[in-house]
């Protein structure tokens, strides 16, 4: 991981070729004016390294992942935790965490299973520009 990222900074790992995942990252950025979140694609070297360090699947994981220190959140848990950290109206998603994980992740998986067909893919990972570039790990 780059030295510029504090150890406790939340890191969002995302599918770098998925348009829906790209859109989710683009949703987070303007709603995070303090720049608390950092980002890396699942396919990147740093993404693979972070997954391995947290004991997560490095080959077939197709999910948004949130890493906070030693903690990791996957699928619906990651989305809910990100919403809570964004604060404001997004905190309203917090009580969804009390639904059974099987139900939450079932809905998540349904969307994930069809995301490429519905939202398409990119030929390459997102290339950030400007101030946001410093929040993407290489």
C-alpha atoms as a PDB file:
ATOM      1  CA  UNK A   1       0.000   0.000   0.000  1.00  0.00           C
ATOM      2  CA  UNK A   2       1.202   3.514  -0.641  1.00  0.00           C
ATOM      3  CA  UNK A   3       2.706   5.457   2.281  1.00  0.00           C
ATOM      4  CA  UNK A   4       0.222   8.307   1.722  1.00  0.00           C
ATOM      5  CA  UNK A   5      -2.718   6.281   3.007  1.00  0.00           C
ATOM      6  CA  UNK A   6      -3.243   6.315   6.776  1.00  0.00           C
ATOM      7  CA  UNK A   7      -3.446   2.845   8.321  1.00  0.00           C
ATOM      8  CA  UNK A   8      -7.023   3.447   9.454  1.00  0.00           C
ATOM      9  CA  UNK A   9      -8.300   4.943   6.186  1.00  0.00           C
ATOM     10  CA  UNK A  10     -11.237   3.046   4.702  1.00  0.00           C
ATOM     11  CA  UNK A  11     -10.373   1.472   1.364  1.00  0.00           C
ATOM     12  CA  UNK A  12     -13.028   0.515  -1.181  1.00  0.00           C
ATOM     13  CA  UNK A  13     -12.072  -2.303  -3.531  1.00  0.00           C
ATOM     14  CA  UNK A  14     -14.227  -2.527  -6.644  1.00  0.00           C
ATOM     15  CA  UNK A  15     -14.448  -4.359  -9.962  1.00  0.00           C
ATOM     16  CA  UNK A  16     -12.424  -2.037 -12.180  1.00  0.00           C
ATOM     17  CA  UNK A  17     -14.086  -3.055 -15.438  1.00  0.00           C
ATOM     18  CA  UNK A  18     -17.710  -2.964 -14.240  1.00  0.00           C
ATOM     19  CA  UNK A  19     -19.721   0.127 -15.167  1.00  0.00           C
ATOM     20  CA  UNK A  20     -22.004  -0.296 -12.138  1.00  0.00           C
ATOM     21  CA  UNK A  21     -18.999  -0.503  -9.796  1.00  0.00           C
ATOM     22  CA  UNK A  22     -17.415   2.505 -11.516  1.00  0.00           C
ATOM     23  CA  UNK A  23     -20.682   4.367 -11.008  1.00  0.00           C
ATOM     24  CA  UNK A  24     -20.692   3.424  -7.312  1.00  0.00           C
ATOM     25  CA  UNK A  25     -17.190   4.878  -6.884  1.00  0.00           C
ATOM     26  CA  UNK A  26     -18.303   8.004  -8.759  1.00  0.00           C
ATOM     27  CA  UNK A  27     -21.275   8.189  -6.368  1.00  0.00           C
ATOM     28  CA  UNK A  28     -19.021   8.028  -3.297  1.00  0.00           C
ATOM     29  CA  UNK A  29     -16.423  10.614  -4.341  1.00  0.00           C
ATOM     30  CA  UNK A  30     -18.555  13.813  -4.312  1.00  0.00           C
ATOM     31  CA  UNK A  31     -20.309  12.691  -1.121  1.00  0.00           C
ATOM     32  CA  UNK A  32     -16.976  12.273   0.662  1.00  0.00           C
ATOM     33  CA  UNK A  33     -15.612  15.849   0.738  1.00  0.00           C
ATOM     34  CA  UNK A  34     -13.112  15.014   3.510  1.00  0.00           C
ATOM     35  CA  UNK A  35     -11.582  12.358   1.271  1.00  0.00           C
ATOM     36  CA  UNK A  36     -11.800   9.627   3.896  1.00  0.00           C
ATOM     37  CA  UNK A  37     -12.245   6.834   1.322  1.00  0.00           C
ATOM     38  CA  UNK A  38      -9.436   5.494  -0.810  1.00  0.00           C
ATOM     39  CA  UNK A  39      -9.991   3.186  -3.774  1.00  0.00           C
ATOM     40  CA  UNK A  40      -8.356   0.314  -5.636  1.00  0.00           C
ATOM     41  CA  UNK A  41      -9.668  -2.111  -8.214  1.00  0.00           C
ATOM     42  CA  UNK A  42      -9.951  -5.764  -7.280  1.00  0.00           C
ATOM     43  CA  UNK A  43      -7.842  -6.600 -10.330  1.00  0.00           C
ATOM     44  CA  UNK A  44      -4.922  -4.311  -9.409  1.00  0.00           C
ATOM     45  CA  UNK A  45      -1.772  -5.504  -7.701  1.00  0.00           C
ATOM     46  CA  UNK A  46      -2.562  -3.496  -4.580  1.00  0.00           C
ATOM     47  CA  UNK A  47      -6.144  -4.767  -4.607  1.00  0.00           C
ATOM     48  CA  UNK A  48      -4.941  -8.368  -4.774  1.00  0.00           C
ATOM     49  CA  UNK A  49      -2.393  -7.703  -2.023  1.00  0.00           C
ATOM     50  CA  UNK A  50      -5.005  -6.130   0.269  1.00  0.00           C
ATOM     51  CA  UNK A  51      -7.430  -9.012  -0.306  1.00  0.00           C
ATOM     52  CA  UNK A  52      -4.715 -11.523   0.598  1.00  0.00           C
ATOM     53  CA  UNK A  53      -3.686  -9.540   3.687  1.00  0.00           C
ATOM     54  CA  UNK A  54      -7.285  -9.628   4.908  1.00  0.00           C
ATOM     55  CA  UNK A  55      -7.730 -13.343   4.160  1.00  0.00           C
ATOM     56  CA  UNK A  56     -10.247 -12.714   1.382  1.00  0.00           C
ATOM     57  CA  UNK A  57     -10.567 -14.619  -1.899  1.00  0.00           C
ATOM     58  CA  UNK A  58      -8.219 -13.146  -4.513  1.00  0.00           C
ATOM     59  CA  UNK A  59      -9.317 -15.125  -7.563  1.00  0.00           C
ATOM     60  CA  UNK A  60     -13.083 -15.212  -7.742  1.00  0.00           C
ATOM     61  CA  UNK A  61     -14.264 -12.391  -5.483  1.00  0.00           C
ATOM     62  CA  UNK A  62     -16.687 -10.254  -7.471  1.00  0.00           C
ATOM     63  CA  UNK A  63     -17.918  -7.835  -4.873  1.00  0.00           C
ATOM     64  CA  UNK A  64     -17.461  -4.400  -3.451  1.00  0.00           C
ATOM     65  CA  UNK A  65     -15.144  -4.742  -0.462  1.00  0.00           C
ATOM     66  CA  UNK A  66     -14.562  -2.198   2.292  1.00  0.00           C
ATOM     67  CA  UNK A  67     -11.410  -2.479   4.374  1.00  0.00           C
ATOM     68  CA  UNK A  68     -11.184  -0.563   7.649  1.00  0.00           C
ATOM     69  CA  UNK A  69      -8.018  -1.346   9.550  1.00  0.00           C
ATOM     70  CA  UNK A  70      -8.205  -5.059  10.338  1.00  0.00           C
ATOM     71  CA  UNK A  71     -11.933  -5.233   9.530  1.00  0.00           C
ATOM     72  CA  UNK A  72     -13.330  -6.179   6.148  1.00  0.00           C
ATOM     73  CA  UNK A  73     -16.867  -5.898   4.799  1.00  0.00           C
ATOM     74  CA  UNK A  74     -18.063  -7.685   1.661  1.00  0.00           C
ATOM     75  CA  UNK A  75     -21.183  -7.387  -0.509  1.00  0.00           C
ATOM     76  CA  UNK A  76     -24.183  -5.822   1.245  1.00  0.00           C
ATOM     77  CA  UNK A  77     -22.234  -5.294   4.479  1.00  0.00           C
ATOM     78  CA  UNK A  78     -19.713  -3.170   2.547  1.00  0.00           C
ATOM     79  CA  UNK A  79     -22.423  -1.049   0.902  1.00  0.00           C
ATOM     80  CA  UNK A  80     -24.195  -0.495   4.230  1.00  0.00           C
ATOM     81  CA  UNK A  81     -20.966   0.443   6.038  1.00  0.00           C
ATOM     82  CA  UNK A  82     -19.965   2.850   3.263  1.00  0.00           C
ATOM     83  CA  UNK A  83     -23.390   4.512   3.496  1.00  0.00           C
ATOM     84  CA  UNK A  84     -22.999   4.870   7.251  1.00  0.00           C
ATOM     85  CA  UNK A  85     -19.559   6.462   6.868  1.00  0.00           C
ATOM     86  CA  UNK A  86     -20.894   8.895   4.259  1.00  0.00           C
ATOM     87  CA  UNK A  87     -23.413  10.056   6.855  1.00  0.00           C
ATOM     88  CA  UNK A  88     -26.385  12.306   6.214  1.00  0.00           C
ATOM     89  CA  UNK A  89     -29.345  10.742   4.482  1.00  0.00           C
ATOM     90  CA  UNK A  90     -27.216   7.712   3.548  1.00  0.00           C
ATOM     91  CA  UNK A  91     -27.175   6.644   7.216  1.00  0.00           C
ATOM     92  CA  UNK A  92     -30.815   5.642   6.680  1.00  0.00           C
ATOM     93  CA  UNK A  93     -29.468   2.476   5.037  1.00  0.00           C
ATOM     94  CA  UNK A  94     -27.955   1.468   8.401  1.00  0.00           C
ATOM     95  CA  UNK A  95     -30.969  -0.437   9.785  1.00  0.00           C
ATOM     96  CA  UNK A  96     -30.873  -2.719   6.722  1.00  0.00           C
ATOM     97  CA  UNK A  97     -27.917  -4.413   8.425  1.00  0.00           C
ATOM     98  CA  UNK A  98     -30.413  -6.028  10.822  1.00  0.00           C
ATOM     99  CA  UNK A  99     -31.996  -7.991   7.974  1.00  0.00           C
ATOM    100  CA  UNK A 100     -30.604 -11.511   7.611  1.00  0.00           C
ATOM    101  CA  UNK A 101     -27.321 -11.457   5.710  1.00  0.00           C
ATOM    102  CA  UNK A 102     -28.608 -14.225   3.424  1.00  0.00           C
ATOM    103  CA  UNK A 103     -31.478 -11.961   2.307  1.00  0.00           C
ATOM    104  CA  UNK A 104     -29.283  -8.856   1.903  1.00  0.00           C
ATOM    105  CA  UNK A 105     -26.573 -10.719   0.028  1.00  0.00           C
ATOM    106  CA  UNK A 106     -29.187 -12.508  -2.070  1.00  0.00           C
ATOM    107  CA  UNK A 107     -30.397  -9.158  -3.415  1.00  0.00           C
ATOM    108  CA  UNK A 108     -26.779  -8.028  -3.822  1.00  0.00           C
ATOM    109  CA  UNK A 109     -25.909 -11.218  -5.735  1.00  0.00           C
ATOM    110  CA  UNK A 110     -28.948 -10.866  -7.992  1.00  0.00           C
ATOM    111  CA  UNK A 111     -27.753  -7.417  -9.078  1.00  0.00           C
ATOM    112  CA  UNK A 112     -24.115  -8.557  -9.283  1.00  0.00           C
ATOM    113  CA  UNK A 113     -24.979 -11.570 -11.438  1.00  0.00           C
ATOM    114  CA  UNK A 114     -26.547  -9.305 -14.078  1.00  0.00           C
ATOM    115  CA  UNK A 115     -24.389  -6.175 -13.756  1.00  0.00           C
ATOM    116  CA  UNK A 116     -22.269  -6.746 -16.868  1.00  0.00           C
ATOM    117  CA  UNK A 117     -25.292  -7.488 -19.049  1.00  0.00           C
ATOM    118  CA  UNK A 118     -27.360  -4.573 -17.724  1.00  0.00           C
ATOM    119  CA  UNK A 119     -24.668  -1.946 -17.119  1.00  0.00           C
ATOM    120  CA  UNK A 120     -21.884  -3.141 -19.416  1.00  0.00           C
ATOM    121  CA  UNK A 121     -18.139  -3.256 -18.906  1.00  0.00           C
ATOM    122  CA  UNK A 122     -15.128  -1.077 -19.545  1.00  0.00           C
ATOM    123  CA  UNK A 123     -12.097  -2.134 -21.540  1.00  0.00           C
ATOM    124  CA  UNK A 124      -9.845  -0.916 -18.740  1.00  0.00           C
ATOM    125  CA  UNK A 125      -9.996   0.312 -15.170  1.00  0.00           C
ATOM    126  CA  UNK A 126     -11.029   3.838 -14.241  1.00  0.00           C
ATOM    127  CA  UNK A 127      -8.242   6.395 -14.602  1.00  0.00           C
ATOM    128  CA  UNK A 128      -8.895   9.105 -12.013  1.00  0.00           C
ATOM    129  CA  UNK A 129      -7.901  12.707 -12.573  1.00  0.00           C
ATOM    130  CA  UNK A 130      -7.310  15.818 -10.485  1.00  0.00           C
ATOM    131  CA  UNK A 131      -7.461  15.770  -6.696  1.00  0.00           C
ATOM    132  CA  UNK A 132      -9.224  12.411  -6.713  1.00  0.00           C
ATOM    133  CA  UNK A 133      -6.187  10.713  -8.229  1.00  0.00           C
ATOM    134  CA  UNK A 134      -4.400  10.745  -4.843  1.00  0.00           C
ATOM    135  CA  UNK A 135      -7.205   8.634  -3.361  1.00  0.00           C
ATOM    136  CA  UNK A 136      -6.643   5.744  -5.790  1.00  0.00           C
ATOM    137  CA  UNK A 137      -4.015   3.207  -4.776  1.00  0.00           C
ATOM    138  CA  UNK A 138      -1.609   1.858  -7.347  1.00  0.00           C
END
